[in-house]
């Protein structure tokens, strides 16, 4: 079955960086676009970034453009989200998604 396991979250100061990872299994990873979403406390889950199957195209929410970079390693079946210049409003649980399946999420807290 499809499994997605996120990691890399934590507490970081404003202006800092984190890299999230999503390890995928149970499907042909290289055949599918992948996405990162996030859900802040009291808010709806929102799309952060999407990458096509071979990584040739990416899309970002306006709120993260220029600060976040989505990438993938199809050989390792892993999706990444490099987050730079983090802001307190980036605090959320971050999820990867594929084929309608969600991982368990990883918490990112941006606070001084």
C-alpha atoms as a PDB file:
ATOM      1  CA  UNK A   1       0.000   0.000   0.000  1.00  0.00           C
ATOM      2  CA  UNK A   2       1.008   3.605  -0.501  1.00  0.00           C
ATOM      3  CA  UNK A   3       3.005   4.953   2.424  1.00  0.00           C
ATOM      4  CA  UNK A   4       4.451   8.420   2.937  1.00  0.00           C
ATOM      5  CA  UNK A   5       6.656   9.252   5.903  1.00  0.00           C
ATOM      6  CA  UNK A   6       7.653  12.852   6.542  1.00  0.00           C
ATOM      7  CA  UNK A   7      10.638  13.932   8.625  1.00  0.00           C
ATOM      8  CA  UNK A   8      12.836  16.948   9.277  1.00  0.00           C
ATOM      9  CA  UNK A   9      10.510  19.233  11.176  1.00  0.00           C
ATOM     10  CA  UNK A  10      11.454  21.018  14.361  1.00  0.00           C
ATOM     11  CA  UNK A  11      11.839  24.334  16.132  1.00  0.00           C
ATOM     12  CA  UNK A  12      13.711  27.058  14.245  1.00  0.00           C
ATOM     13  CA  UNK A  13      14.200  30.776  14.765  1.00  0.00           C
ATOM     14  CA  UNK A  14      12.776  33.302  12.309  1.00  0.00           C
ATOM     15  CA  UNK A  15      15.094  33.611   9.340  1.00  0.00           C
ATOM     16  CA  UNK A  16      16.341  30.068   9.769  1.00  0.00           C
ATOM     17  CA  UNK A  17      16.171  27.060   7.458  1.00  0.00           C
ATOM     18  CA  UNK A  18      14.902  23.500   7.540  1.00  0.00           C
ATOM     19  CA  UNK A  19      14.764  20.693   5.004  1.00  0.00           C
ATOM     20  CA  UNK A  20      11.828  18.335   5.103  1.00  0.00           C
ATOM     21  CA  UNK A  21      11.897  14.855   3.601  1.00  0.00           C
ATOM     22  CA  UNK A  22       9.114  12.505   2.563  1.00  0.00           C
ATOM     23  CA  UNK A  23      10.025   8.859   2.034  1.00  0.00           C
ATOM     24  CA  UNK A  24       7.597   7.088  -0.278  1.00  0.00           C
ATOM     25  CA  UNK A  25       6.833   3.415  -0.790  1.00  0.00           C
ATOM     26  CA  UNK A  26       4.161   1.179  -2.251  1.00  0.00           C
ATOM     27  CA  UNK A  27       3.862   2.854  -5.659  1.00  0.00           C
ATOM     28  CA  UNK A  28       5.980   3.810  -8.658  1.00  0.00           C
ATOM     29  CA  UNK A  29       7.301   7.065  -7.232  1.00  0.00           C
ATOM     30  CA  UNK A  30       8.813   8.316 -10.475  1.00  0.00           C
ATOM     31  CA  UNK A  31       5.463   8.157 -12.269  1.00  0.00           C
ATOM     32  CA  UNK A  32       3.608  10.693 -10.158  1.00  0.00           C
ATOM     33  CA  UNK A  33       3.613  14.355  -9.300  1.00  0.00           C
ATOM     34  CA  UNK A  34       4.101  15.029  -5.608  1.00  0.00           C
ATOM     35  CA  UNK A  35       2.995  17.854  -3.362  1.00  0.00           C
ATOM     36  CA  UNK A  36       3.650  19.411   0.011  1.00  0.00           C
ATOM     37  CA  UNK A  37       0.769  20.822   2.032  1.00  0.00           C
ATOM     38  CA  UNK A  38       0.652  22.472   5.423  1.00  0.00           C
ATOM     39  CA  UNK A  39      -1.942  23.064   8.101  1.00  0.00           C
ATOM     40  CA  UNK A  40      -1.492  25.803  10.656  1.00  0.00           C
ATOM     41  CA  UNK A  41      -3.361  25.724  13.972  1.00  0.00           C
ATOM     42  CA  UNK A  42      -6.995  26.649  13.438  1.00  0.00           C
ATOM     43  CA  UNK A  43      -6.627  26.890   9.676  1.00  0.00           C
ATOM     44  CA  UNK A  44      -7.447  24.721   6.700  1.00  0.00           C
ATOM     45  CA  UNK A  45      -4.798  22.607   5.003  1.00  0.00           C
ATOM     46  CA  UNK A  46      -3.211  24.507   2.124  1.00  0.00           C
ATOM     47  CA  UNK A  47      -1.084  23.563  -0.862  1.00  0.00           C
ATOM     48  CA  UNK A  48       2.518  24.702  -0.509  1.00  0.00           C
ATOM     49  CA  UNK A  49       4.305  23.289  -3.547  1.00  0.00           C
ATOM     50  CA  UNK A  50       3.995  20.714  -6.320  1.00  0.00           C
ATOM     51  CA  UNK A  51       6.590  19.000  -8.503  1.00  0.00           C
ATOM     52  CA  UNK A  52       6.013  16.949 -11.638  1.00  0.00           C
ATOM     53  CA  UNK A  53       7.047  13.313 -11.947  1.00  0.00           C
ATOM     54  CA  UNK A  54      10.524  13.991 -13.322  1.00  0.00           C
ATOM     55  CA  UNK A  55      10.977  17.273 -11.515  1.00  0.00           C
ATOM     56  CA  UNK A  56      10.907  19.412 -14.636  1.00  0.00           C
ATOM     57  CA  UNK A  57       8.208  21.738 -13.365  1.00  0.00           C
ATOM     58  CA  UNK A  58       7.317  23.118  -9.970  1.00  0.00           C
ATOM     59  CA  UNK A  59       4.610  25.357  -8.556  1.00  0.00           C
ATOM     60  CA  UNK A  60       4.498  27.279  -5.309  1.00  0.00           C
ATOM     61  CA  UNK A  61       2.001  29.109  -3.176  1.00  0.00           C
ATOM     62  CA  UNK A  62       2.562  32.850  -3.364  1.00  0.00           C
ATOM     63  CA  UNK A  63       3.336  32.908   0.350  1.00  0.00           C
ATOM     64  CA  UNK A  64       6.451  30.718  -0.066  1.00  0.00           C
ATOM     65  CA  UNK A  65       7.750  31.701  -3.513  1.00  0.00           C
ATOM     66  CA  UNK A  66      11.418  32.589  -3.429  1.00  0.00           C
ATOM     67  CA  UNK A  67      11.889  31.018   0.009  1.00  0.00           C
ATOM     68  CA  UNK A  68      10.924  27.341  -0.412  1.00  0.00           C
ATOM     69  CA  UNK A  69      12.216  24.836  -2.958  1.00  0.00           C
ATOM     70  CA  UNK A  70      10.564  21.503  -3.709  1.00  0.00           C
ATOM     71  CA  UNK A  71      12.700  18.734  -5.196  1.00  0.00           C
ATOM     72  CA  UNK A  72      12.752  14.969  -5.531  1.00  0.00           C
ATOM     73  CA  UNK A  73      15.156  12.082  -5.878  1.00  0.00           C
ATOM     74  CA  UNK A  74      13.378   9.378  -7.844  1.00  0.00           C
ATOM     75  CA  UNK A  75      16.159   6.857  -7.228  1.00  0.00           C
ATOM     76  CA  UNK A  76      15.683   7.272  -3.472  1.00  0.00           C
ATOM     77  CA  UNK A  77      11.883   7.629  -3.733  1.00  0.00           C
ATOM     78  CA  UNK A  78      12.118  10.750  -1.623  1.00  0.00           C
ATOM     79  CA  UNK A  79      10.523  14.171  -1.842  1.00  0.00           C
ATOM     80  CA  UNK A  80      12.132  17.230  -0.262  1.00  0.00           C
ATOM     81  CA  UNK A  81      11.146  20.725   0.780  1.00  0.00           C
ATOM     82  CA  UNK A  82      13.965  23.166   1.456  1.00  0.00           C
ATOM     83  CA  UNK A  83      12.626  26.031   3.529  1.00  0.00           C
ATOM     84  CA  UNK A  84      14.693  29.191   3.916  1.00  0.00           C
ATOM     85  CA  UNK A  85      14.012  32.584   5.492  1.00  0.00           C
ATOM     86  CA  UNK A  86      11.374  30.997   7.682  1.00  0.00           C
ATOM     87  CA  UNK A  87       8.718  33.200   9.241  1.00  0.00           C
ATOM     88  CA  UNK A  88       6.468  32.621  12.267  1.00  0.00           C
ATOM     89  CA  UNK A  89       3.530  32.300   9.870  1.00  0.00           C
ATOM     90  CA  UNK A  90       5.202  29.229   8.362  1.00  0.00           C
ATOM     91  CA  UNK A  91       4.475  27.368  11.600  1.00  0.00           C
ATOM     92  CA  UNK A  92       2.346  24.368  10.681  1.00  0.00           C
ATOM     93  CA  UNK A  93       2.235  20.625  10.293  1.00  0.00           C
ATOM     94  CA  UNK A  94       3.668  19.822   6.864  1.00  0.00           C
ATOM     95  CA  UNK A  95       2.355  16.872   4.868  1.00  0.00           C
ATOM     96  CA  UNK A  96       3.358  15.256   1.619  1.00  0.00           C
ATOM     97  CA  UNK A  97       0.698  13.884  -0.681  1.00  0.00           C
ATOM     98  CA  UNK A  98       0.513  11.480  -3.557  1.00  0.00           C
ATOM     99  CA  UNK A  99      -2.355   9.514  -5.056  1.00  0.00           C
ATOM    100  CA  UNK A 100      -4.695  11.036  -2.488  1.00  0.00           C
ATOM    101  CA  UNK A 101      -2.698   9.547   0.383  1.00  0.00           C
ATOM    102  CA  UNK A 102      -1.322  11.641   3.248  1.00  0.00           C
ATOM    103  CA  UNK A 103       1.644  11.048   5.472  1.00  0.00           C
ATOM    104  CA  UNK A 104       1.457  11.586   9.217  1.00  0.00           C
ATOM    105  CA  UNK A 105       2.973  15.052   8.936  1.00  0.00           C
ATOM    106  CA  UNK A 106       5.952  16.760  10.516  1.00  0.00           C
ATOM    107  CA  UNK A 107       5.638  19.817  12.747  1.00  0.00           C
ATOM    108  CA  UNK A 108       7.549  22.981  11.899  1.00  0.00           C
ATOM    109  CA  UNK A 109       7.597  25.696  14.543  1.00  0.00           C
ATOM    110  CA  UNK A 110       9.155  29.068  13.752  1.00  0.00           C
ATOM    111  CA  UNK A 111       9.645  31.046  16.925  1.00  0.00           C
ATOM    112  CA  UNK A 112      12.260  33.012  18.787  1.00  0.00           C
END
